[in-house]
Amino acid sequence: MTRFFRMLAARDARWQRRFDLCSIHRLPVLSLTLRVPYKLRVSSRMRKLGEEFWNKILQLPFPSSTSSRGPLSIYVRYNETEQTDDGFQAFAALLVPVKELKLFSIHVETDFFFGPLIDLDVMEAGVSQERANLGFPPRKCLVCDHDAKECSSRCTHSLEETEEAVRRILAGVRL
C-alpha cells in the first residue's frame, strides 16, 4: 500500500475511532490532529509537540456552566494518544456539554499560539460538531488569511511556504 493510501486509511480509522468512542462512552469526544504538511506531521518532533499540545489543552481551564471550573482533565473519562500513518492523534471522552466543548475547541484553535497548528474535532453520538453551526467562520490558512480548505484543495501554496509558516508559528510568531 502506498503512503497516500496508508494516510487515507489512517484518516478513515480516526473517524471510526471517534465514532466508536462516542458509542462506547456515550459522551462527546474531543480529538486532536496536526494541521501541518504530511512530511512534518509524521515526524518524531511533531509527535512530541502533539503530545505537549494535548497535555497543555487538558490542563486549560474549562468554562463549564454545569459545574465548578477546573482544568479540562477533570472531565476526562477516557484518554488515548497514538502515532499513525497520518501523524499524531489524541482522543478524549469528556463529561461536558457538547456545545461548550466545541466552543472551547474553537477558543483553543483561535487564541493559543499553537492553535493554528492543531485541529480539534468534537463528535457526539456519531455526529461531528461544526464551527459554522455555531456561527464561526472557517479556519484560516496557515500561510494567508483565506479559507484553509480552499487553499488546501487548490494547492495554493507550495510545501516550502507552508513549512515556513509552521516554523514561524512554532517560533511564537502569530500569522
N, C-alpha and C. Protein backbone atom coordinates (compact mmCIF):
# COMPACT_ATOMS: atom_id res chain seq x y z
N MET A 1 0.85 -1.17 0.00
CA MET A 1 0.00 0.00 0.00
C MET A 1 0.90 1.24 0.00
N THR A 2 0.58 2.22 -0.83
CA THR A 2 1.39 3.42 -0.91
C THR A 2 1.15 4.31 0.32
N ARG A 3 2.07 5.23 0.53
CA ARG A 3 1.98 6.16 1.66
C ARG A 3 0.66 6.93 1.63
N PHE A 4 0.24 7.35 0.44
CA PHE A 4 -1.01 8.11 0.30
C PHE A 4 -2.20 7.28 0.78
N PHE A 5 -2.27 6.03 0.37
CA PHE A 5 -3.40 5.19 0.76
C PHE A 5 -3.34 4.83 2.25
N ARG A 6 -2.13 4.69 2.79
CA ARG A 6 -2.00 4.45 4.24
C ARG A 6 -2.50 5.67 5.01
N MET A 7 -2.19 6.88 4.50
CA MET A 7 -2.65 8.10 5.14
C MET A 7 -4.18 8.17 5.10
N LEU A 8 -4.77 7.87 3.96
CA LEU A 8 -6.24 7.89 3.86
C LEU A 8 -6.87 6.84 4.77
N ALA A 9 -6.27 5.66 4.83
CA ALA A 9 -6.78 4.61 5.72
C ALA A 9 -6.71 5.06 7.18
N ALA A 10 -5.63 5.76 7.55
CA ALA A 10 -5.48 6.26 8.92
C ALA A 10 -6.55 7.31 9.23
N ARG A 11 -6.89 8.15 8.26
CA ARG A 11 -7.94 9.16 8.46
C ARG A 11 -9.30 8.49 8.64
N ASP A 12 -9.57 7.48 7.83
CA ASP A 12 -10.83 6.74 7.99
C ASP A 12 -10.88 6.07 9.36
N ALA A 13 -9.77 5.48 9.77
CA ALA A 13 -9.71 4.81 11.07
C ALA A 13 -9.91 5.82 12.21
N ARG A 14 -9.39 7.05 12.05
CA ARG A 14 -9.58 8.08 13.07
C ARG A 14 -11.06 8.45 13.21
N TRP A 15 -11.73 8.64 12.08
CA TRP A 15 -13.17 8.95 12.14
C TRP A 15 -13.91 7.81 12.82
N GLN A 16 -13.58 6.58 12.46
CA GLN A 16 -14.24 5.42 13.06
C GLN A 16 -13.95 5.33 14.56
N ARG A 17 -12.73 5.67 14.96
CA ARG A 17 -12.36 5.64 16.38
C ARG A 17 -13.19 6.65 17.16
N ARG A 18 -13.33 7.86 16.62
CA ARG A 18 -14.18 8.87 17.29
C ARG A 18 -15.61 8.35 17.43
N PHE A 19 -16.13 7.80 16.35
CA PHE A 19 -17.49 7.26 16.34
C PHE A 19 -17.62 6.16 17.40
N ASP A 20 -16.66 5.24 17.44
CA ASP A 20 -16.70 4.13 18.40
C ASP A 20 -16.62 4.65 19.83
N LEU A 21 -15.74 5.63 20.09
CA LEU A 21 -15.62 6.17 21.45
C LEU A 21 -16.91 6.85 21.90
N CYS A 22 -17.59 7.53 20.99
CA CYS A 22 -18.90 8.12 21.31
C CYS A 22 -19.88 7.04 21.72
N SER A 23 -19.88 5.96 20.97
CA SER A 23 -20.81 4.85 21.25
C SER A 23 -20.48 4.14 22.56
N ILE A 24 -19.21 3.87 22.77
CA ILE A 24 -18.78 3.14 23.97
C ILE A 24 -19.04 3.95 25.24
N HIS A 25 -18.64 5.23 25.22
CA HIS A 25 -18.69 6.05 26.43
C HIS A 25 -19.97 6.87 26.55
N ARG A 26 -20.71 7.00 25.44
CA ARG A 26 -21.95 7.81 25.42
C ARG A 26 -21.69 9.23 25.92
N LEU A 27 -20.54 9.74 25.47
CA LEU A 27 -20.11 11.10 25.82
C LEU A 27 -19.55 11.78 24.57
N PRO A 28 -19.48 13.12 24.59
CA PRO A 28 -18.78 13.80 23.50
C PRO A 28 -17.30 13.42 23.48
N VAL A 29 -16.75 13.37 22.30
CA VAL A 29 -15.33 13.02 22.12
C VAL A 29 -14.62 14.20 21.47
N LEU A 30 -13.50 14.58 22.05
CA LEU A 30 -12.61 15.61 21.52
C LEU A 30 -11.42 14.90 20.92
N SER A 31 -11.05 15.27 19.69
CA SER A 31 -9.85 14.68 19.10
C SER A 31 -8.94 15.78 18.58
N LEU A 32 -7.66 15.49 18.60
CA LEU A 32 -6.64 16.43 18.13
C LEU A 32 -5.84 15.76 17.03
N THR A 33 -5.63 16.51 15.95
CA THR A 33 -4.69 16.14 14.89
C THR A 33 -3.88 17.39 14.57
N LEU A 34 -2.82 17.21 13.80
CA LEU A 34 -1.93 18.31 13.45
C LEU A 34 -2.25 18.83 12.05
N ARG A 35 -2.29 20.16 11.89
CA ARG A 35 -2.56 20.82 10.62
C ARG A 35 -1.24 21.27 9.99
N VAL A 36 -0.39 20.35 9.71
CA VAL A 36 0.90 20.66 9.10
C VAL A 36 1.12 19.71 7.93
N PRO A 37 2.02 20.05 7.02
CA PRO A 37 2.28 19.16 5.89
C PRO A 37 2.66 17.75 6.34
N TYR A 38 2.29 16.78 5.53
CA TYR A 38 2.48 15.37 5.85
C TYR A 38 3.90 15.06 6.31
N LYS A 39 4.88 15.57 5.57
CA LYS A 39 6.29 15.30 5.89
C LYS A 39 6.62 15.68 7.34
N LEU A 40 6.07 16.78 7.80
CA LEU A 40 6.28 17.21 9.18
C LEU A 40 5.38 16.44 10.15
N ARG A 41 4.14 16.21 9.73
CA ARG A 41 3.14 15.59 10.59
C ARG A 41 3.56 14.22 11.11
N VAL A 42 4.30 13.46 10.31
CA VAL A 42 4.69 12.10 10.72
C VAL A 42 6.06 12.05 11.40
N SER A 43 6.67 13.21 11.63
CA SER A 43 8.00 13.24 12.24
C SER A 43 7.92 13.03 13.75
N SER A 44 9.01 12.57 14.34
CA SER A 44 9.06 12.36 15.79
C SER A 44 8.96 13.70 16.52
N ARG A 45 9.50 14.76 15.93
CA ARG A 45 9.40 16.08 16.56
C ARG A 45 7.95 16.53 16.69
N MET A 46 7.17 16.33 15.62
CA MET A 46 5.77 16.74 15.66
C MET A 46 4.96 15.83 16.58
N ARG A 47 5.36 14.56 16.69
CA ARG A 47 4.68 13.69 17.65
C ARG A 47 4.88 14.24 19.06
N LYS A 48 6.11 14.61 19.37
CA LYS A 48 6.39 15.16 20.70
C LYS A 48 5.61 16.46 20.92
N LEU A 49 5.59 17.34 19.91
CA LEU A 49 4.82 18.58 20.03
C LEU A 49 3.33 18.29 20.18
N GLY A 50 2.83 17.32 19.41
CA GLY A 50 1.42 16.95 19.52
C GLY A 50 1.08 16.51 20.94
N GLU A 51 1.94 15.71 21.53
CA GLU A 51 1.72 15.27 22.91
C GLU A 51 1.75 16.46 23.87
N GLU A 52 2.70 17.38 23.66
CA GLU A 52 2.78 18.58 24.51
C GLU A 52 1.53 19.44 24.35
N PHE A 53 1.08 19.63 23.10
CA PHE A 53 -0.13 20.42 22.86
C PHE A 53 -1.32 19.77 23.57
N TRP A 54 -1.47 18.45 23.44
CA TRP A 54 -2.59 17.73 24.04
C TRP A 54 -2.56 17.88 25.57
N ASN A 55 -1.40 17.70 26.16
CA ASN A 55 -1.29 17.83 27.62
C ASN A 55 -1.60 19.25 28.07
N LYS A 56 -1.17 20.23 27.29
CA LYS A 56 -1.46 21.63 27.62
C LYS A 56 -2.97 21.88 27.55
N ILE A 57 -3.62 21.37 26.52
CA ILE A 57 -5.07 21.55 26.37
C ILE A 57 -5.81 20.93 27.55
N LEU A 58 -5.39 19.75 27.97
CA LEU A 58 -6.06 19.08 29.09
C LEU A 58 -5.90 19.84 30.40
N GLN A 59 -4.89 20.71 30.49
CA GLN A 59 -4.67 21.49 31.71
C GLN A 59 -5.32 22.88 31.66
N LEU A 60 -5.86 23.25 30.51
CA LEU A 60 -6.51 24.56 30.40
C LEU A 60 -7.81 24.57 31.20
N PRO A 61 -8.16 25.73 31.78
CA PRO A 61 -9.42 25.81 32.50
C PRO A 61 -10.59 25.64 31.54
N PHE A 62 -11.53 24.80 31.91
CA PHE A 62 -12.72 24.58 31.09
C PHE A 62 -13.89 25.35 31.69
N PRO A 63 -14.46 26.26 30.94
CA PRO A 63 -15.52 27.13 31.47
C PRO A 63 -16.89 26.45 31.47
N SER A 64 -17.07 25.45 32.29
CA SER A 64 -18.33 24.70 32.32
C SER A 64 -19.43 25.50 33.01
N SER A 65 -20.60 25.47 32.41
CA SER A 65 -21.76 26.14 33.03
C SER A 65 -22.49 25.20 33.97
N THR A 66 -22.15 23.90 33.93
CA THR A 66 -22.88 22.91 34.72
C THR A 66 -22.17 22.51 36.00
N SER A 67 -20.91 22.89 36.16
CA SER A 67 -20.18 22.53 37.38
C SER A 67 -19.09 23.54 37.64
N SER A 68 -18.34 23.33 38.71
CA SER A 68 -17.26 24.27 39.03
C SER A 68 -16.18 24.23 37.96
N ARG A 69 -15.53 25.36 37.80
CA ARG A 69 -14.45 25.45 36.81
C ARG A 69 -13.25 24.67 37.29
N GLY A 70 -12.56 24.10 36.34
CA GLY A 70 -11.34 23.37 36.65
C GLY A 70 -10.67 23.04 35.34
N PRO A 71 -9.51 22.39 35.38
CA PRO A 71 -8.87 22.02 34.12
C PRO A 71 -9.73 21.01 33.36
N LEU A 72 -9.62 21.03 32.06
CA LEU A 72 -10.37 20.10 31.23
C LEU A 72 -10.15 18.66 31.67
N SER A 73 -8.96 18.36 32.17
CA SER A 73 -8.62 16.99 32.55
C SER A 73 -9.55 16.39 33.60
N ILE A 74 -10.20 17.21 34.43
CA ILE A 74 -11.08 16.64 35.46
C ILE A 74 -12.35 16.08 34.85
N TYR A 75 -12.65 16.43 33.61
CA TYR A 75 -13.86 15.94 32.94
C TYR A 75 -13.58 14.73 32.04
N VAL A 76 -12.31 14.34 31.93
CA VAL A 76 -11.93 13.24 31.04
C VAL A 76 -12.34 11.90 31.66
N ARG A 77 -13.07 11.12 30.86
CA ARG A 77 -13.44 9.77 31.29
C ARG A 77 -12.65 8.71 30.53
N TYR A 78 -12.02 9.13 29.42
CA TYR A 78 -11.17 8.23 28.64
C TYR A 78 -10.21 9.11 27.85
N ASN A 79 -8.95 8.67 27.74
CA ASN A 79 -7.92 9.45 27.05
C ASN A 79 -6.97 8.50 26.34
N GLU A 80 -6.65 8.80 25.10
CA GLU A 80 -5.70 7.97 24.35
C GLU A 80 -4.96 8.83 23.34
N THR A 81 -3.69 8.51 23.12
CA THR A 81 -2.89 9.16 22.08
C THR A 81 -2.17 8.08 21.29
N GLU A 82 -1.86 8.40 20.03
CA GLU A 82 -1.10 7.45 19.22
C GLU A 82 -0.51 8.15 18.00
N GLN A 83 0.47 7.51 17.43
CA GLN A 83 1.08 7.95 16.18
C GLN A 83 0.61 6.97 15.10
N THR A 84 0.05 7.51 14.01
CA THR A 84 -0.45 6.68 12.92
C THR A 84 0.27 7.06 11.63
N ASP A 85 -0.13 6.46 10.53
CA ASP A 85 0.42 6.81 9.23
C ASP A 85 0.02 8.21 8.79
N ASP A 86 -0.87 8.87 9.53
CA ASP A 86 -1.24 10.25 9.25
C ASP A 86 -0.73 11.20 10.33
N GLY A 87 0.11 10.72 11.24
CA GLY A 87 0.69 11.57 12.27
C GLY A 87 0.07 11.35 13.63
N PHE A 88 0.40 12.25 14.55
CA PHE A 88 -0.07 12.17 15.93
C PHE A 88 -1.57 12.43 15.99
N GLN A 89 -2.24 11.70 16.88
CA GLN A 89 -3.64 11.96 17.15
C GLN A 89 -3.94 11.64 18.60
N ALA A 90 -4.95 12.32 19.14
CA ALA A 90 -5.35 12.13 20.53
C ALA A 90 -6.87 12.16 20.60
N PHE A 91 -7.41 11.43 21.58
CA PHE A 91 -8.86 11.36 21.79
C PHE A 91 -9.15 11.43 23.27
N ALA A 92 -10.26 12.09 23.61
CA ALA A 92 -10.74 12.08 24.99
C ALA A 92 -12.27 12.08 24.97
N ALA A 93 -12.85 11.19 25.76
CA ALA A 93 -14.29 11.21 26.02
C ALA A 93 -14.48 12.04 27.27
N LEU A 94 -15.35 13.05 27.17
CA LEU A 94 -15.45 14.04 28.24
C LEU A 94 -16.88 14.20 28.75
N LEU A 95 -16.99 14.36 30.04
CA LEU A 95 -18.27 14.56 30.70
C LEU A 95 -18.59 16.06 30.74
N VAL A 96 -18.84 16.63 29.56
CA VAL A 96 -19.15 18.06 29.42
C VAL A 96 -20.20 18.22 28.31
N PRO A 97 -20.96 19.31 28.35
CA PRO A 97 -21.91 19.56 27.27
C PRO A 97 -21.18 19.77 25.93
N VAL A 98 -21.71 19.18 24.89
CA VAL A 98 -21.03 19.18 23.59
C VAL A 98 -20.85 20.59 23.03
N LYS A 99 -21.84 21.45 23.18
CA LYS A 99 -21.71 22.82 22.65
C LYS A 99 -20.59 23.57 23.36
N GLU A 100 -20.49 23.41 24.67
CA GLU A 100 -19.42 24.05 25.42
C GLU A 100 -18.05 23.51 25.01
N LEU A 101 -17.99 22.20 24.73
CA LEU A 101 -16.74 21.60 24.29
C LEU A 101 -16.33 22.14 22.92
N LYS A 102 -17.28 22.31 22.02
CA LYS A 102 -16.95 22.85 20.69
C LYS A 102 -16.49 24.30 20.82
N LEU A 103 -17.18 25.08 21.63
CA LEU A 103 -16.76 26.48 21.84
C LEU A 103 -15.35 26.53 22.44
N PHE A 104 -15.07 25.65 23.38
CA PHE A 104 -13.74 25.56 23.97
C PHE A 104 -12.70 25.23 22.89
N SER A 105 -13.01 24.27 22.03
CA SER A 105 -12.06 23.87 20.98
C SER A 105 -11.80 25.02 20.01
N ILE A 106 -12.83 25.78 19.67
CA ILE A 106 -12.65 26.94 18.78
C ILE A 106 -11.78 27.98 19.47
N HIS A 107 -12.00 28.19 20.76
CA HIS A 107 -11.17 29.13 21.54
C HIS A 107 -9.70 28.71 21.50
N VAL A 108 -9.42 27.43 21.71
CA VAL A 108 -8.03 26.95 21.69
C VAL A 108 -7.43 27.12 20.30
N GLU A 109 -8.16 26.73 19.26
CA GLU A 109 -7.65 26.84 17.89
C GLU A 109 -7.38 28.29 17.50
N THR A 110 -8.14 29.21 18.06
CA THR A 110 -8.06 30.62 17.67
C THR A 110 -7.11 31.44 18.53
N ASP A 111 -7.09 31.18 19.83
CA ASP A 111 -6.43 32.09 20.76
C ASP A 111 -5.09 31.63 21.34
N PHE A 112 -4.66 30.44 21.06
CA PHE A 112 -3.40 29.96 21.59
C PHE A 112 -2.35 29.92 20.49
N PHE A 113 -1.09 30.17 20.85
CA PHE A 113 -0.05 30.28 19.83
C PHE A 113 0.05 29.03 18.97
N PHE A 114 -0.24 27.86 19.53
CA PHE A 114 -0.16 26.62 18.75
C PHE A 114 -1.48 26.29 18.06
N GLY A 115 -2.52 27.08 18.30
CA GLY A 115 -3.84 26.82 17.75
C GLY A 115 -3.89 26.62 16.24
N PRO A 116 -3.17 27.45 15.46
CA PRO A 116 -3.21 27.25 14.02
C PRO A 116 -2.66 25.90 13.56
N LEU A 117 -1.84 25.27 14.40
CA LEU A 117 -1.20 24.00 14.01
C LEU A 117 -2.00 22.77 14.38
N ILE A 118 -3.12 22.95 15.08
CA ILE A 118 -3.90 21.80 15.51
C ILE A 118 -5.32 21.87 14.97
N ASP A 119 -5.92 20.71 14.89
CA ASP A 119 -7.33 20.61 14.54
C ASP A 119 -8.01 19.86 15.66
N LEU A 120 -8.92 20.52 16.34
CA LEU A 120 -9.69 19.90 17.41
C LEU A 120 -11.10 19.63 16.88
N ASP A 121 -11.45 18.36 16.81
CA ASP A 121 -12.77 17.97 16.35
C ASP A 121 -13.58 17.49 17.54
N VAL A 122 -14.87 17.78 17.50
CA VAL A 122 -15.79 17.35 18.55
C VAL A 122 -16.89 16.53 17.89
N MET A 123 -17.16 15.37 18.47
CA MET A 123 -18.21 14.50 17.97
C MET A 123 -19.07 14.05 19.13
N GLU A 124 -20.37 14.00 18.89
CA GLU A 124 -21.30 13.46 19.87
C GLU A 124 -22.30 12.58 19.15
N ALA A 125 -22.53 11.40 19.70
CA ALA A 125 -23.48 10.44 19.12
C ALA A 125 -23.21 10.22 17.63
N GLY A 126 -21.93 10.20 17.27
CA GLY A 126 -21.56 9.93 15.89
C GLY A 126 -21.69 11.11 14.94
N VAL A 127 -22.01 12.30 15.45
CA VAL A 127 -22.19 13.49 14.61
C VAL A 127 -21.10 14.50 14.94
N SER A 128 -20.34 14.91 13.92
CA SER A 128 -19.30 15.93 14.11
C SER A 128 -19.96 17.28 14.33
N GLN A 129 -19.42 18.03 15.26
CA GLN A 129 -19.91 19.37 15.56
C GLN A 129 -19.09 20.36 14.73
N GLU A 130 -19.76 21.18 13.94
CA GLU A 130 -19.08 22.09 13.02
C GLU A 130 -19.09 23.52 13.54
N ARG A 131 -17.99 24.24 13.29
CA ARG A 131 -17.88 25.64 13.70
C ARG A 131 -18.98 26.49 13.07
N ALA A 132 -19.28 26.23 11.81
CA ALA A 132 -20.28 27.01 11.10
C ALA A 132 -21.64 26.95 11.78
N ASN A 133 -21.96 25.81 12.40
CA ASN A 133 -23.25 25.67 13.09
C ASN A 133 -23.36 26.57 14.30
N LEU A 134 -22.22 27.06 14.79
CA LEU A 134 -22.21 27.98 15.92
C LEU A 134 -21.93 29.42 15.48
N GLY A 135 -21.93 29.64 14.17
CA GLY A 135 -21.74 30.99 13.65
C GLY A 135 -20.30 31.43 13.50
N PHE A 136 -19.35 30.50 13.55
CA PHE A 136 -17.94 30.84 13.42
C PHE A 136 -17.48 30.66 11.97
N PRO A 137 -16.55 31.50 11.53
CA PRO A 137 -16.03 31.38 10.17
C PRO A 137 -15.12 30.15 10.04
N PRO A 138 -14.83 29.75 8.80
CA PRO A 138 -13.91 28.63 8.58
C PRO A 138 -12.51 28.96 9.10
N ARG A 139 -11.72 27.92 9.34
CA ARG A 139 -10.33 28.11 9.75
C ARG A 139 -9.57 28.84 8.66
N LYS A 140 -8.57 29.63 9.09
CA LYS A 140 -7.72 30.34 8.15
C LYS A 140 -6.54 29.46 7.74
N CYS A 141 -6.07 29.72 6.55
CA CYS A 141 -4.89 29.06 6.01
C CYS A 141 -3.68 29.43 6.88
N LEU A 142 -2.73 28.52 6.99
CA LEU A 142 -1.51 28.79 7.75
C LEU A 142 -0.65 29.87 7.10
N VAL A 143 -0.77 30.02 5.78
CA VAL A 143 0.08 30.93 5.02
C VAL A 143 -0.59 32.29 4.82
N CYS A 144 -1.89 32.28 4.50
CA CYS A 144 -2.60 33.53 4.22
C CYS A 144 -3.89 33.58 5.04
N ASP A 145 -4.67 34.59 4.86
CA ASP A 145 -5.90 34.73 5.64
C ASP A 145 -7.13 34.16 4.95
N HIS A 146 -6.94 33.40 3.90
CA HIS A 146 -8.08 32.81 3.20
C HIS A 146 -8.54 31.52 3.87
N ASP A 147 -9.65 30.99 3.42
CA ASP A 147 -10.21 29.74 3.93
C ASP A 147 -9.20 28.61 3.73
N ALA A 148 -8.86 27.92 4.82
CA ALA A 148 -7.83 26.87 4.78
C ALA A 148 -8.21 25.73 3.84
N LYS A 149 -9.49 25.34 3.84
CA LYS A 149 -9.91 24.23 2.97
C LYS A 149 -9.75 24.59 1.50
N GLU A 150 -10.06 25.86 1.16
CA GLU A 150 -9.90 26.29 -0.23
C GLU A 150 -8.43 26.27 -0.64
N CYS A 151 -7.58 26.82 0.19
CA CYS A 151 -6.14 26.84 -0.15
C CYS A 151 -5.60 25.43 -0.27
N SER A 152 -6.01 24.55 0.65
CA SER A 152 -5.52 23.18 0.63
C SER A 152 -6.00 22.43 -0.61
N SER A 153 -7.28 22.53 -0.92
CA SER A 153 -7.82 21.78 -2.06
C SER A 153 -7.27 22.29 -3.39
N ARG A 154 -6.94 23.57 -3.44
CA ARG A 154 -6.40 24.16 -4.68
C ARG A 154 -4.88 24.13 -4.74
N CYS A 155 -4.24 23.64 -3.69
CA CYS A 155 -2.77 23.63 -3.59
C CYS A 155 -2.22 25.03 -3.89
N THR A 156 -2.82 26.01 -3.23
CA THR A 156 -2.47 27.42 -3.46
C THR A 156 -1.03 27.73 -3.09
N HIS A 157 -0.54 27.11 -2.02
CA HIS A 157 0.79 27.43 -1.51
C HIS A 157 1.73 26.24 -1.68
N SER A 158 2.99 26.56 -1.88
CA SER A 158 3.99 25.50 -2.02
C SER A 158 4.26 24.86 -0.66
N LEU A 159 4.85 23.69 -0.70
CA LEU A 159 5.24 23.00 0.53
C LEU A 159 6.21 23.88 1.32
N GLU A 160 7.13 24.53 0.63
CA GLU A 160 8.12 25.39 1.30
C GLU A 160 7.43 26.55 2.02
N GLU A 161 6.44 27.18 1.37
CA GLU A 161 5.71 28.28 2.01
C GLU A 161 5.00 27.80 3.27
N THR A 162 4.37 26.65 3.18
CA THR A 162 3.63 26.11 4.31
C THR A 162 4.57 25.72 5.44
N GLU A 163 5.69 25.09 5.12
CA GLU A 163 6.66 24.72 6.15
C GLU A 163 7.23 25.96 6.83
N GLU A 164 7.46 27.02 6.08
CA GLU A 164 7.95 28.27 6.66
C GLU A 164 6.91 28.87 7.60
N ALA A 165 5.64 28.81 7.22
CA ALA A 165 4.57 29.31 8.08
C ALA A 165 4.53 28.51 9.39
N VAL A 166 4.71 27.21 9.31
CA VAL A 166 4.73 26.36 10.50
C VAL A 166 5.92 26.76 11.39
N ARG A 167 7.09 26.96 10.79
CA ARG A 167 8.27 27.36 11.58
C ARG A 167 8.02 28.69 12.30
N ARG A 168 7.39 29.65 11.60
CA ARG A 168 7.10 30.94 12.24
C ARG A 168 6.14 30.79 13.42
N ILE A 169 5.14 29.95 13.25
CA ILE A 169 4.18 29.73 14.35
C ILE A 169 4.90 29.08 15.52
N LEU A 170 5.72 28.09 15.25
CA LEU A 170 6.45 27.41 16.31
C LEU A 170 7.43 28.34 17.02
N ALA A 171 7.89 29.36 16.32
CA ALA A 171 8.79 30.34 16.93
C ALA A 171 8.01 31.36 17.77
N GLY A 172 6.69 31.22 17.80
CA GLY A 172 5.86 32.11 18.61
C GLY A 172 5.35 33.31 17.86
N VAL A 173 5.59 33.36 16.54
CA VAL A 173 5.09 34.47 15.73
C VAL A 173 3.73 34.07 15.18
N ARG A 174 2.72 34.80 15.56
CA ARG A 174 1.36 34.51 15.09
C ARG A 174 1.14 35.19 13.76
N LEU A 175 0.68 34.40 12.79
CA LEU A 175 0.43 34.97 11.46
C LEU A 175 -0.84 35.78 11.40
